[in-house]
Amino acid sequence: MLVRKVAQVLDHLAQGEATAAELAEALGEPRSSVYRLLSSLQAEGLVEHGSRRGQFRLGFKLLTLGTAVVARFDEREFAQPVLERLHDLTGETVFLCVRRGDTAVCIERLAGKRVQSLALQLGGSLPLHAGAASRALLAFAPETEWEAYLERNVPLSRFTGSTPSEPGTLRKLLRQAREEGFALSDQDVTVGVAAIGVPVVDYRGEVRAAVSISGVRESILGEDFPRWRDLLLDAGREVSRALGSELAGKNIARFD
C-alpha cells in the first residue's frame, strides 16, 4: 500500500511541480499523510523543494536511478554511435524508443538545432498510434498485435487534428509503413512538427526498438526528405545488424 502511494506521488511529480494540497487532492489522500510521505521521500533524496514556496519536485537521486535503468538497454549501447552520427548529419532531434506495453518509451534523445520543445522527452512516452517511432514499433509487429492494441485503446487518444483516431486510418498507416520500410508522422503529435521512424530488428526477427528524427515540418518533409529517409533506413539496418538480425541486410519492409 505504501509503495503504491510512493509510486503515485512520483508519477504525479513527473508531470511537473505540485504542492502537498494538489497531491493530496489528486491521490485522494489526507493532506497530513501526503506531507509525511513527502518528508520521508525528501529525506531519501527522491523529492525536493520546488521552484516556488510550498511546491515539490522530483529529486536528483532519481536521475542516478534512471540512468542505471537506461544503461541496461542493449539497444541503447549498440545504437549510440549510430544516433550520434545521424544527429551530426541531419542536425535534427534524434530518438531511440522501445516498446513498453502500449507505449513507446524514449531511452535516448539527442536534441536538434532547430526545435527544442518537442513533446517526447528522455524517459517520456507516446501511445503506439501517435508519432513516427511509435508507429514503427507497432507497424513491424505481427498484425494480431495491431488488433489487440486497437481493442485495448479505442477510442484512440488525439494530440492534434492529424492524429490517427480511427482504426481504419491507423491500419492504413501501419500497412504503408510496412510497405515502405519507415513510418511517417506529419503533425500528428505536435502542430508544425514532422518525424520519420524506422524499426530495429534483433536476431529473432522481432522489433526491439525504433530510431527516428524529428523537426520542423518543412525541414523533415522538404527537399531533404529523401536523404533523411535513406540515412534513417541505413541507421535502422546498422543497429539491427549489431543485434544480430539477418533481416538487416534485406528490405526490412518485407518483415512480417
Protein backbone atom coordinates (compact mmCIF):
# COMPACT_ATOMS: atom_id res chain seq x y z
CA MET A 1 0.00 0.00 0.00
CA LEU A 2 2.77 2.44 0.97
CA VAL A 3 4.78 1.52 -2.12
CA ARG A 4 1.78 2.26 -4.31
CA LYS A 5 1.36 5.69 -2.69
CA VAL A 6 5.04 6.45 -3.23
CA ALA A 7 4.71 5.44 -6.88
CA GLN A 8 1.63 7.64 -7.27
CA VAL A 9 3.40 10.65 -5.80
CA LEU A 10 6.44 10.19 -8.04
CA ASP A 11 4.26 9.64 -11.11
CA HIS A 12 2.37 12.84 -10.39
CA LEU A 13 5.54 14.87 -9.81
CA ALA A 14 6.94 13.51 -13.08
CA GLN A 15 4.30 15.68 -14.78
CA GLY A 16 5.55 18.82 -13.02
CA GLU A 17 5.90 20.52 -9.65
CA ALA A 18 2.97 20.32 -7.23
CA THR A 19 2.02 21.33 -3.72
CA ALA A 20 1.11 18.88 -1.00
CA ALA A 21 -2.51 20.03 -1.28
CA GLU A 22 -2.53 19.33 -5.02
CA LEU A 23 -1.01 15.91 -4.48
CA ALA A 24 -3.50 15.10 -1.73
CA GLU A 25 -6.39 16.02 -4.00
CA ALA A 26 -5.01 14.06 -6.95
CA LEU A 27 -4.32 10.96 -4.84
CA GLY A 28 -7.45 11.19 -2.71
CA GLU A 29 -5.36 11.09 0.46
CA PRO A 30 -5.40 13.28 3.62
CA ARG A 31 -3.07 16.23 3.35
CA SER A 32 -1.32 15.23 6.59
CA SER A 33 -0.49 11.79 5.15
CA VAL A 34 0.91 13.33 1.99
CA TYR A 35 3.05 15.74 4.00
CA ARG A 36 4.54 12.85 5.97
CA LEU A 37 5.19 10.90 2.79
CA LEU A 38 6.85 13.89 1.12
CA SER A 39 9.03 14.42 4.17
CA SER A 40 10.23 10.80 4.02
CA LEU A 41 10.87 10.97 0.29
CA GLN A 42 12.75 14.24 0.72
CA ALA A 43 14.99 12.68 3.38
CA GLU A 44 15.92 9.97 0.84
CA GLY A 45 16.63 12.46 -1.93
CA LEU A 46 13.73 11.28 -4.07
CA VAL A 47 11.81 14.56 -3.70
CA GLU A 48 12.98 18.14 -3.13
CA HIS A 49 11.51 21.61 -2.72
CA GLY A 50 10.31 23.12 -6.00
CA SER A 51 10.98 26.48 -7.60
CA ARG A 52 8.18 28.13 -5.61
CA ARG A 53 7.33 28.04 -1.95
CA GLY A 54 5.20 25.06 -1.00
CA GLN A 55 5.89 23.16 -4.20
CA PHE A 56 7.73 19.87 -4.57
CA ARG A 57 9.53 18.23 -7.49
CA LEU A 58 11.44 15.06 -8.21
CA GLY A 59 14.85 14.79 -6.56
CA PHE A 60 18.22 14.31 -8.22
CA LYS A 61 18.62 10.83 -6.77
CA LEU A 62 16.06 9.66 -9.33
CA LEU A 63 18.46 10.74 -12.07
CA THR A 64 21.00 8.22 -10.80
CA LEU A 65 18.37 5.51 -10.58
CA GLY A 66 17.00 6.35 -14.01
CA THR A 67 20.47 6.31 -15.54
CA ALA A 68 21.04 2.83 -14.13
CA VAL A 69 17.81 1.62 -15.73
CA VAL A 70 18.59 3.15 -19.12
CA ALA A 71 22.13 1.72 -19.07
CA ARG A 72 20.84 -1.85 -19.12
CA PHE A 73 19.30 -1.49 -22.58
CA ASP A 74 21.50 -3.22 -25.16
CA GLU A 75 19.64 -1.26 -27.84
CA ARG A 76 21.00 1.99 -26.48
CA GLU A 77 24.58 0.73 -26.26
CA PHE A 78 24.60 -0.51 -29.85
CA ALA A 79 22.67 2.44 -31.21
CA GLN A 80 24.58 5.28 -29.55
CA PRO A 81 27.30 5.81 -32.21
CA VAL A 82 24.70 5.49 -34.98
CA LEU A 83 22.45 8.04 -33.30
CA GLU A 84 25.30 10.49 -32.85
CA ARG A 85 26.30 10.19 -36.49
CA LEU A 86 22.68 10.65 -37.58
CA HIS A 87 22.43 13.71 -35.36
CA ASP A 88 25.59 15.23 -36.85
CA LEU A 89 24.42 14.60 -40.42
CA THR A 90 20.87 15.90 -40.05
CA GLY A 91 21.01 18.48 -37.28
CA GLU A 92 17.56 17.25 -36.25
CA THR A 93 16.39 15.73 -32.98
CA VAL A 94 17.16 12.00 -32.91
CA PHE A 95 15.24 9.49 -30.80
CA LEU A 96 15.67 5.88 -29.77
CA CYS A 97 12.46 4.33 -28.44
CA VAL A 98 11.49 0.92 -27.11
CA ARG A 99 8.07 -0.56 -26.58
CA ARG A 100 6.67 -0.91 -23.11
CA GLY A 101 3.11 -2.19 -23.17
CA ASP A 102 1.02 0.10 -25.36
CA THR A 103 3.55 2.93 -25.36
CA ALA A 104 6.84 3.89 -26.99
CA VAL A 105 9.34 5.00 -24.34
CA CYS A 106 12.24 7.28 -25.25
CA ILE A 107 15.52 5.85 -23.93
CA GLU A 108 17.81 8.23 -25.84
CA ARG A 109 17.28 11.71 -27.23
CA LEU A 110 19.79 13.97 -28.97
CA ALA A 111 18.35 17.48 -29.25
CA GLY A 112 18.25 19.13 -32.66
CA LYS A 113 19.42 22.61 -33.56
CA ARG A 114 16.07 23.91 -34.79
CA VAL A 115 13.37 22.59 -32.45
CA GLN A 116 13.88 22.13 -28.71
CA SER A 117 10.32 21.89 -27.36
CA LEU A 118 9.26 18.54 -28.79
CA ALA A 119 6.61 16.50 -26.99
CA LEU A 120 8.75 13.42 -26.40
CA GLN A 121 11.46 13.85 -23.78
CA LEU A 122 14.03 11.37 -22.46
CA GLY A 123 12.11 8.87 -20.36
CA GLY A 124 8.81 10.10 -21.76
CA SER A 125 6.37 8.07 -23.77
CA LEU A 126 3.74 8.22 -26.50
CA PRO A 127 0.96 5.78 -27.35
CA LEU A 128 1.88 3.42 -30.18
CA HIS A 129 -0.52 5.03 -32.66
CA ALA A 130 1.00 8.53 -32.37
CA GLY A 131 4.38 9.57 -33.76
CA ALA A 132 6.86 8.03 -36.18
CA ALA A 133 8.90 5.94 -33.73
CA SER A 134 5.75 4.71 -32.03
CA ARG A 135 4.11 3.56 -35.25
CA ALA A 136 7.35 1.97 -36.43
CA LEU A 137 7.31 -0.18 -33.30
CA LEU A 138 3.70 -1.23 -33.94
CA ALA A 139 3.79 -1.48 -37.73
CA PHE A 140 6.51 -4.13 -37.81
CA ALA A 141 4.93 -6.21 -35.07
CA PRO A 142 2.55 -9.04 -36.09
CA GLU A 143 -0.81 -7.75 -37.29
CA THR A 144 -2.53 -9.62 -34.47
CA GLU A 145 -0.87 -7.09 -32.17
CA TRP A 146 -2.42 -4.25 -34.17
CA GLU A 147 -5.86 -5.61 -33.47
CA ALA A 148 -5.08 -6.29 -29.81
CA TYR A 149 -3.82 -2.72 -29.45
CA LEU A 150 -6.99 -1.35 -31.01
CA GLU A 151 -9.17 -3.48 -28.75
CA ARG A 152 -7.44 -2.04 -25.70
CA ASN A 153 -7.20 1.58 -26.82
CA VAL A 154 -10.21 2.55 -28.93
CA PRO A 155 -11.16 5.36 -28.88
CA LEU A 156 -7.63 6.39 -29.83
CA SER A 157 -6.32 9.45 -27.99
CA ARG A 158 -5.65 12.54 -30.10
CA PHE A 159 -2.88 15.12 -29.78
CA THR A 160 -3.72 17.21 -32.86
CA GLY A 161 -6.25 17.14 -35.65
CA SER A 162 -3.82 14.93 -37.61
CA THR A 163 -3.51 12.15 -35.02
CA PRO A 164 -4.99 8.93 -36.46
CA SER A 165 -8.11 8.41 -34.38
CA GLU A 166 -9.99 5.82 -36.43
CA PRO A 167 -8.94 2.13 -36.52
CA GLY A 168 -9.14 2.08 -40.32
CA THR A 169 -6.86 5.09 -40.63
CA LEU A 170 -4.31 3.58 -38.26
CA ARG A 171 -4.33 0.25 -40.09
CA LYS A 172 -3.72 2.08 -43.38
CA LEU A 173 -0.73 3.96 -41.91
CA LEU A 174 0.72 0.77 -40.42
CA ARG A 175 0.43 -1.10 -43.74
CA GLN A 176 2.04 1.83 -45.55
CA ALA A 177 4.91 1.79 -43.08
CA ARG A 178 5.34 -1.95 -43.66
CA GLU A 179 5.46 -1.47 -47.42
CA GLU A 180 7.85 1.49 -47.38
CA GLY A 181 10.09 0.39 -44.52
CA PHE A 182 9.54 3.54 -42.45
CA ALA A 183 6.78 5.36 -40.56
CA LEU A 184 5.96 9.00 -41.19
CA SER A 185 4.49 11.45 -38.70
CA ASP A 186 3.07 14.64 -40.16
CA GLN A 187 1.98 16.95 -37.32
CA ASP A 188 0.08 14.18 -35.51
CA VAL A 189 1.85 14.79 -32.18
CA THR A 190 2.77 18.48 -32.40
CA VAL A 191 1.48 21.01 -34.93
CA GLY A 192 4.26 22.13 -37.26
CA VAL A 193 6.50 19.14 -36.43
CA ALA A 194 7.12 16.02 -38.54
CA ALA A 195 9.16 12.87 -37.99
CA ILE A 196 10.43 9.73 -39.73
CA GLY A 197 10.87 6.46 -37.85
CA VAL A 198 12.39 3.08 -38.70
CA PRO A 199 12.39 -0.24 -36.80
CA VAL A 200 15.35 -2.01 -35.22
CA VAL A 201 15.07 -5.79 -35.54
CA ASP A 202 17.01 -8.35 -33.48
CA TYR A 203 18.37 -11.83 -34.25
CA ARG A 204 14.93 -13.36 -33.63
CA GLY A 205 13.36 -11.15 -36.26
CA GLU A 206 11.48 -9.22 -33.57
CA VAL A 207 11.26 -5.45 -33.34
CA ARG A 208 13.42 -4.31 -30.42
CA ALA A 209 13.41 -0.53 -30.89
CA ALA A 210 12.79 2.32 -33.29
CA VAL A 211 15.05 5.15 -34.43
CA SER A 212 13.53 8.43 -35.55
CA ILE A 213 14.38 12.01 -36.42
CA SER A 214 12.01 14.89 -35.77
CA GLY A 215 11.95 18.58 -36.53
CA VAL A 216 10.16 21.43 -38.24
CA ARG A 217 7.84 20.01 -40.90
CA GLU A 218 9.44 21.97 -43.73
CA SER A 219 12.85 20.57 -42.83
CA ILE A 220 11.81 16.93 -42.41
CA LEU A 221 9.40 16.70 -45.35
CA GLY A 222 11.06 19.26 -47.61
CA GLU A 223 13.77 18.78 -50.22
CA ASP A 224 15.99 16.88 -47.78
CA PHE A 225 13.33 14.22 -47.10
CA PRO A 226 14.77 11.54 -49.45
CA ARG A 227 18.22 11.95 -47.88
CA TRP A 228 16.90 11.90 -44.30
CA ARG A 229 14.79 8.81 -45.11
CA ASP A 230 17.73 6.92 -46.58
CA LEU A 231 20.02 7.86 -43.68
CA LEU A 232 17.40 6.57 -41.25
CA LEU A 233 16.88 3.33 -43.12
CA ASP A 234 20.64 2.76 -43.07
CA ALA A 235 20.74 3.59 -39.36
CA GLY A 236 17.97 1.09 -38.60
CA ARG A 237 19.76 -1.63 -40.54
CA GLU A 238 23.10 -0.88 -38.87
CA VAL A 239 21.69 -1.13 -35.35
CA SER A 240 19.75 -4.25 -36.38
CA ARG A 241 22.96 -5.88 -37.60
CA ALA A 242 24.58 -5.08 -34.25
CA LEU A 243 21.72 -7.00 -32.61
CA GLY A 244 22.33 -9.96 -34.90
CA SER A 245 19.44 -9.50 -37.31
CA GLU A 246 19.67 -11.38 -40.58
CA LEU A 247 16.92 -9.11 -41.90
CA ALA A 248 19.17 -6.08 -41.60
CA GLY A 249 20.77 -6.67 -44.97
CA LYS A 250 17.42 -7.17 -46.65
CA ASN A 251 14.43 -4.97 -47.24
CA ILE A 252 13.00 -4.55 -43.75
CA ALA A 253 9.73 -3.51 -45.35
CA ARG A 254 9.13 -7.21 -46.06
CA PHE A 255 9.25 -8.10 -42.38
CA ASP A 256 6.17 -9.95 -41.11
